[in-house]
């Protein structure tokens, strides 16, 4: 019997987000996260519209009213000023990021 030791070497690098308001990690509402039960904040960028934001956060531009209602906006075509911070509510019905269930044939 020989006693061979096994070792692992790990290197970790941490980087601070340059803009914490827009940081999108999986625990803060990123692509795989949902932003918690209450939602999250989002800083408007040039070219953003309610429909684009609804598509980004809920997977459908038709859900623009969720963002509009939370921020007191009345119209889908309202101009969003860059730098404005919007509330993006959590939406428990969101399907974005989930894979559709595979269909199976009965009897096979």
N, C-alpha and C. Protein backbone atom coordinates (compact mmCIF):
# COMPACT_ATOMS: atom_id res chain seq x y z
N UNK A 1 0.83 -1.18 0.00
CA UNK A 1 0.00 0.00 0.00
C UNK A 1 0.87 1.24 0.00
N UNK A 2 0.57 2.14 -0.93
CA UNK A 2 1.29 3.42 -0.94
C UNK A 2 0.32 4.53 -0.57
N UNK A 3 0.84 5.54 0.00
CA UNK A 3 0.01 6.67 0.44
C UNK A 3 0.26 7.86 -0.49
N UNK A 4 -0.52 7.95 -1.58
CA UNK A 4 -0.40 9.07 -2.52
C UNK A 4 -1.43 10.15 -2.17
N UNK A 5 -0.94 11.32 -1.87
CA UNK A 5 -1.84 12.43 -1.55
C UNK A 5 -2.28 13.13 -2.84
N UNK A 6 -3.54 13.56 -2.85
CA UNK A 6 -4.07 14.30 -3.99
C UNK A 6 -4.31 15.73 -3.56
N UNK A 7 -3.90 16.67 -4.41
CA UNK A 7 -4.07 18.08 -4.11
C UNK A 7 -4.79 18.78 -5.24
N UNK A 8 -5.49 19.82 -4.88
CA UNK A 8 -6.13 20.68 -5.88
C UNK A 8 -5.68 22.11 -5.64
N UNK A 9 -5.44 22.84 -6.72
CA UNK A 9 -5.08 24.24 -6.62
C UNK A 9 -6.20 25.04 -7.28
N UNK A 10 -6.69 26.04 -6.57
CA UNK A 10 -7.80 26.85 -7.07
C UNK A 10 -7.39 28.31 -7.10
N UNK A 11 -7.76 28.98 -8.17
CA UNK A 11 -7.52 30.42 -8.29
C UNK A 11 -8.86 31.11 -8.48
N UNK A 12 -9.13 32.15 -7.68
CA UNK A 12 -10.41 32.86 -7.75
C UNK A 12 -10.13 34.35 -7.93
N UNK A 13 -10.89 34.97 -8.84
CA UNK A 13 -10.78 36.41 -9.05
C UNK A 13 -12.15 37.03 -8.85
N UNK A 14 -12.25 38.06 -8.02
CA UNK A 14 -13.50 38.78 -7.80
C UNK A 14 -13.40 40.15 -8.45
N UNK A 15 -14.46 40.55 -9.13
CA UNK A 15 -14.50 41.85 -9.77
C UNK A 15 -15.75 42.58 -9.31
N UNK A 16 -15.59 43.81 -8.86
CA UNK A 16 -16.74 44.61 -8.42
C UNK A 16 -17.49 45.11 -9.64
N UNK A 17 -18.81 45.15 -9.54
CA UNK A 17 -19.64 45.68 -10.62
C UNK A 17 -19.42 47.18 -10.70
N UNK A 18 -19.21 47.69 -11.92
CA UNK A 18 -18.97 49.13 -12.07
C UNK A 18 -20.24 49.92 -11.82
N UNK A 19 -21.40 49.32 -12.08
CA UNK A 19 -22.68 49.98 -11.85
C UNK A 19 -23.60 48.99 -11.15
N UNK A 20 -23.62 48.99 -9.80
CA UNK A 20 -24.41 48.00 -9.08
C UNK A 20 -25.90 48.02 -9.40
N UNK A 21 -26.45 49.15 -9.86
CA UNK A 21 -27.86 49.21 -10.20
C UNK A 21 -28.15 48.29 -11.39
N UNK A 22 -27.21 48.23 -12.35
CA UNK A 22 -27.43 47.43 -13.55
C UNK A 22 -26.73 46.08 -13.52
N UNK A 23 -26.09 45.73 -12.41
CA UNK A 23 -25.44 44.44 -12.32
C UNK A 23 -26.47 43.33 -12.39
N UNK A 24 -26.25 42.35 -13.26
CA UNK A 24 -27.23 41.29 -13.46
C UNK A 24 -26.61 39.92 -13.23
N UNK A 25 -26.49 39.55 -11.98
CA UNK A 25 -26.02 38.22 -11.65
C UNK A 25 -27.21 37.31 -11.39
N UNK A 26 -27.00 36.00 -11.28
CA UNK A 26 -28.11 35.08 -11.10
C UNK A 26 -28.91 35.29 -9.82
N UNK A 27 -28.30 35.92 -8.82
CA UNK A 27 -29.04 36.14 -7.57
C UNK A 27 -29.67 37.52 -7.51
N UNK A 28 -29.36 38.38 -8.47
CA UNK A 28 -29.92 39.73 -8.45
C UNK A 28 -30.79 40.02 -9.66
N UNK A 29 -31.40 38.98 -10.20
CA UNK A 29 -32.30 39.22 -11.32
C UNK A 29 -31.64 39.10 -12.67
N UNK A 30 -30.54 38.38 -12.74
CA UNK A 30 -29.85 38.19 -14.00
C UNK A 30 -30.59 37.24 -14.91
N UNK A 31 -29.93 36.75 -15.93
CA UNK A 31 -30.58 35.91 -16.92
C UNK A 31 -31.27 34.70 -16.32
N UNK A 32 -30.66 34.09 -15.30
CA UNK A 32 -31.27 32.90 -14.71
C UNK A 32 -32.04 33.21 -13.44
N UNK A 33 -31.83 34.39 -12.86
CA UNK A 33 -32.52 34.73 -11.63
C UNK A 33 -33.86 35.39 -11.90
N UNK A 34 -34.63 35.60 -10.87
CA UNK A 34 -35.94 36.24 -11.02
C UNK A 34 -36.02 37.56 -10.26
N UNK A 35 -34.94 37.97 -9.60
CA UNK A 35 -34.93 39.25 -8.93
C UNK A 35 -35.61 39.28 -7.58
N UNK A 36 -35.87 38.14 -7.02
CA UNK A 36 -36.50 38.09 -5.71
C UNK A 36 -38.01 38.26 -5.81
N UNK A 37 -38.69 38.18 -4.66
CA UNK A 37 -40.15 38.25 -4.64
C UNK A 37 -40.67 39.64 -4.97
N UNK A 38 -39.93 40.68 -4.61
CA UNK A 38 -40.40 42.04 -4.82
C UNK A 38 -39.95 42.61 -6.16
N UNK A 39 -39.03 41.99 -6.83
CA UNK A 39 -38.53 42.52 -8.09
C UNK A 39 -37.16 43.14 -7.92
N UNK A 40 -36.87 44.07 -8.83
CA UNK A 40 -35.56 44.71 -8.81
C UNK A 40 -35.66 46.10 -9.39
N UNK A 41 -34.55 46.82 -9.36
CA UNK A 41 -34.45 48.15 -9.95
C UNK A 41 -33.66 48.03 -11.25
N UNK A 42 -33.98 48.89 -12.21
CA UNK A 42 -33.26 48.91 -13.49
C UNK A 42 -33.04 50.36 -13.92
N UNK A 43 -31.82 50.67 -14.31
CA UNK A 43 -31.47 52.01 -14.77
C UNK A 43 -31.65 52.06 -16.29
N UNK A 44 -32.52 52.94 -16.75
CA UNK A 44 -32.85 53.05 -18.17
C UNK A 44 -31.62 53.43 -18.99
N UNK A 45 -31.43 52.72 -20.10
CA UNK A 45 -30.33 52.97 -21.03
C UNK A 45 -30.90 53.62 -22.30
N UNK A 46 -30.07 54.29 -23.06
CA UNK A 46 -30.49 54.91 -24.31
C UNK A 46 -31.09 53.84 -25.22
N UNK A 47 -32.28 54.11 -25.77
CA UNK A 47 -32.94 53.18 -26.68
C UNK A 47 -33.92 52.23 -26.00
N UNK A 48 -33.97 52.23 -24.67
CA UNK A 48 -34.91 51.36 -23.96
C UNK A 48 -36.35 51.84 -24.18
N UNK A 49 -37.24 50.88 -24.31
CA UNK A 49 -38.68 51.14 -24.36
C UNK A 49 -39.34 50.17 -23.39
N UNK A 50 -40.59 50.45 -23.06
CA UNK A 50 -41.30 49.53 -22.16
C UNK A 50 -41.41 48.15 -22.77
N UNK A 51 -41.67 48.08 -24.07
CA UNK A 51 -41.79 46.79 -24.74
C UNK A 51 -40.46 46.01 -24.73
N UNK A 52 -39.35 46.71 -24.94
CA UNK A 52 -38.03 46.05 -24.91
C UNK A 52 -37.73 45.54 -23.50
N UNK A 53 -38.06 46.33 -22.50
CA UNK A 53 -37.80 45.91 -21.12
C UNK A 53 -38.68 44.72 -20.73
N UNK A 54 -39.95 44.74 -21.16
CA UNK A 54 -40.84 43.61 -20.88
C UNK A 54 -40.31 42.34 -21.52
N UNK A 55 -39.81 42.46 -22.73
CA UNK A 55 -39.25 41.29 -23.41
C UNK A 55 -37.99 40.79 -22.70
N UNK A 56 -37.17 41.72 -22.25
CA UNK A 56 -35.93 41.38 -21.56
C UNK A 56 -36.18 40.68 -20.22
N UNK A 57 -37.14 41.20 -19.44
CA UNK A 57 -37.35 40.68 -18.09
C UNK A 57 -38.44 39.62 -17.99
N UNK A 58 -39.41 39.63 -18.92
CA UNK A 58 -40.53 38.70 -18.83
C UNK A 58 -40.67 37.78 -20.04
N UNK A 59 -39.83 38.01 -21.06
CA UNK A 59 -39.86 37.14 -22.22
C UNK A 59 -40.95 37.47 -23.24
N UNK A 60 -41.65 38.59 -23.05
CA UNK A 60 -42.70 38.97 -23.99
C UNK A 60 -42.90 40.49 -23.96
N UNK A 61 -42.82 41.14 -25.13
CA UNK A 61 -43.04 42.59 -25.16
C UNK A 61 -44.47 42.98 -24.78
N UNK A 62 -45.39 42.05 -24.90
CA UNK A 62 -46.79 42.35 -24.57
C UNK A 62 -47.01 42.55 -23.07
N UNK A 63 -46.02 42.25 -22.26
CA UNK A 63 -46.15 42.42 -20.80
C UNK A 63 -45.65 43.79 -20.33
N UNK A 64 -45.58 44.77 -21.25
CA UNK A 64 -45.08 46.10 -20.92
C UNK A 64 -45.89 46.76 -19.82
N UNK A 65 -47.18 46.41 -19.69
CA UNK A 65 -48.04 47.05 -18.69
C UNK A 65 -47.59 46.75 -17.26
N UNK A 66 -46.91 45.62 -17.05
CA UNK A 66 -46.41 45.28 -15.70
C UNK A 66 -45.41 46.33 -15.26
N UNK A 67 -44.47 46.67 -16.15
CA UNK A 67 -43.45 47.68 -15.84
C UNK A 67 -44.09 49.06 -15.76
N UNK A 68 -45.00 49.36 -16.69
CA UNK A 68 -45.65 50.67 -16.72
C UNK A 68 -46.42 50.94 -15.43
N UNK A 69 -47.22 49.98 -15.01
CA UNK A 69 -48.04 50.15 -13.81
C UNK A 69 -47.18 50.38 -12.56
N UNK A 70 -46.08 49.64 -12.45
CA UNK A 70 -45.20 49.75 -11.28
C UNK A 70 -44.50 51.10 -11.21
N UNK A 71 -44.45 51.81 -12.36
CA UNK A 71 -43.72 53.07 -12.41
C UNK A 71 -44.60 54.27 -12.76
N UNK A 72 -45.92 54.07 -12.75
CA UNK A 72 -46.84 55.19 -13.01
C UNK A 72 -46.79 55.69 -14.44
N UNK A 73 -46.50 54.82 -15.38
CA UNK A 73 -46.42 55.19 -16.80
C UNK A 73 -47.72 54.73 -17.46
N UNK A 74 -48.31 55.60 -18.28
CA UNK A 74 -49.63 55.31 -18.86
C UNK A 74 -49.60 54.73 -20.27
N UNK A 75 -48.51 54.95 -21.01
CA UNK A 75 -48.49 54.57 -22.42
C UNK A 75 -47.29 53.70 -22.77
N UNK A 76 -47.50 52.74 -23.68
CA UNK A 76 -46.41 51.87 -24.13
C UNK A 76 -45.37 52.66 -24.92
N UNK A 77 -45.78 53.79 -25.48
CA UNK A 77 -44.87 54.59 -26.30
C UNK A 77 -44.23 55.74 -25.52
N UNK A 78 -44.41 55.75 -24.20
CA UNK A 78 -43.82 56.81 -23.38
C UNK A 78 -42.30 56.82 -23.54
N UNK A 79 -41.74 58.00 -23.64
CA UNK A 79 -40.28 58.15 -23.75
C UNK A 79 -39.65 57.88 -22.38
N UNK A 80 -38.66 56.98 -22.36
CA UNK A 80 -37.95 56.68 -21.12
C UNK A 80 -36.62 57.42 -21.14
N UNK A 81 -36.42 58.28 -20.17
CA UNK A 81 -35.20 59.09 -20.10
C UNK A 81 -34.04 58.24 -19.57
N UNK A 82 -32.93 58.17 -20.33
CA UNK A 82 -31.76 57.43 -19.83
C UNK A 82 -31.34 57.92 -18.45
N UNK A 83 -31.05 56.98 -17.57
CA UNK A 83 -30.66 57.31 -16.20
C UNK A 83 -31.79 57.15 -15.20
N UNK A 84 -33.02 57.16 -15.69
CA UNK A 84 -34.16 56.96 -14.80
C UNK A 84 -34.12 55.54 -14.23
N UNK A 85 -34.41 55.40 -12.96
CA UNK A 85 -34.43 54.08 -12.32
C UNK A 85 -35.87 53.60 -12.24
N UNK A 86 -36.12 52.46 -12.87
CA UNK A 86 -37.45 51.86 -12.89
C UNK A 86 -37.52 50.67 -11.95
N UNK A 87 -38.71 50.42 -11.42
CA UNK A 87 -38.96 49.21 -10.66
C UNK A 87 -39.42 48.14 -11.64
N UNK A 88 -38.77 46.98 -11.60
CA UNK A 88 -39.15 45.84 -12.43
C UNK A 88 -39.73 44.80 -11.48
N UNK A 89 -41.07 44.69 -11.42
CA UNK A 89 -41.68 43.76 -10.48
C UNK A 89 -41.37 42.31 -10.81
N UNK A 90 -41.30 41.49 -9.78
CA UNK A 90 -41.16 40.05 -9.99
C UNK A 90 -42.47 39.57 -10.58
N UNK A 91 -42.39 38.57 -11.44
CA UNK A 91 -43.59 38.04 -12.08
C UNK A 91 -43.54 36.53 -11.95
N UNK A 92 -44.36 35.97 -11.09
CA UNK A 92 -44.33 34.53 -10.83
C UNK A 92 -44.78 33.72 -12.04
N UNK A 93 -45.42 34.36 -13.02
CA UNK A 93 -45.88 33.64 -14.21
C UNK A 93 -44.86 33.64 -15.33
N UNK A 94 -43.69 34.24 -15.10
CA UNK A 94 -42.67 34.32 -16.13
C UNK A 94 -42.17 32.94 -16.53
N UNK A 95 -42.10 32.69 -17.80
CA UNK A 95 -41.63 31.41 -18.33
C UNK A 95 -40.22 31.52 -18.90
N UNK A 96 -39.69 32.74 -19.04
CA UNK A 96 -38.39 32.93 -19.68
C UNK A 96 -37.31 32.17 -18.92
N UNK A 97 -36.46 31.51 -19.64
CA UNK A 97 -35.36 30.79 -19.04
C UNK A 97 -35.68 29.35 -18.71
N UNK A 98 -36.96 28.97 -18.80
CA UNK A 98 -37.35 27.59 -18.52
C UNK A 98 -37.47 26.84 -19.83
N UNK A 99 -37.00 25.61 -19.83
CA UNK A 99 -37.11 24.79 -21.03
C UNK A 99 -38.52 24.21 -21.11
N UNK A 100 -39.08 24.16 -22.32
CA UNK A 100 -40.42 23.55 -22.44
C UNK A 100 -40.35 22.07 -22.16
N UNK A 101 -41.45 21.54 -21.64
CA UNK A 101 -41.49 20.10 -21.34
C UNK A 101 -41.52 19.33 -22.64
N UNK A 102 -40.77 18.24 -22.66
CA UNK A 102 -40.72 17.39 -23.86
C UNK A 102 -42.04 16.64 -24.01
N UNK A 103 -42.54 16.61 -25.25
CA UNK A 103 -43.78 15.88 -25.51
C UNK A 103 -43.43 14.42 -25.74
N UNK A 104 -44.20 13.55 -25.13
CA UNK A 104 -43.96 12.10 -25.32
C UNK A 104 -45.18 11.48 -25.94
N UNK A 105 -44.93 10.46 -26.74
CA UNK A 105 -46.03 9.73 -27.37
C UNK A 105 -46.42 8.57 -26.46
N UNK A 106 -47.72 8.46 -26.22
CA UNK A 106 -48.19 7.39 -25.35
C UNK A 106 -48.04 6.04 -26.04
N UNK A 107 -47.65 5.05 -25.27
CA UNK A 107 -47.53 3.69 -25.78
C UNK A 107 -46.20 3.39 -26.46
N UNK A 108 -45.29 4.34 -26.47
CA UNK A 108 -43.98 4.09 -27.11
C UNK A 108 -42.86 4.37 -26.15
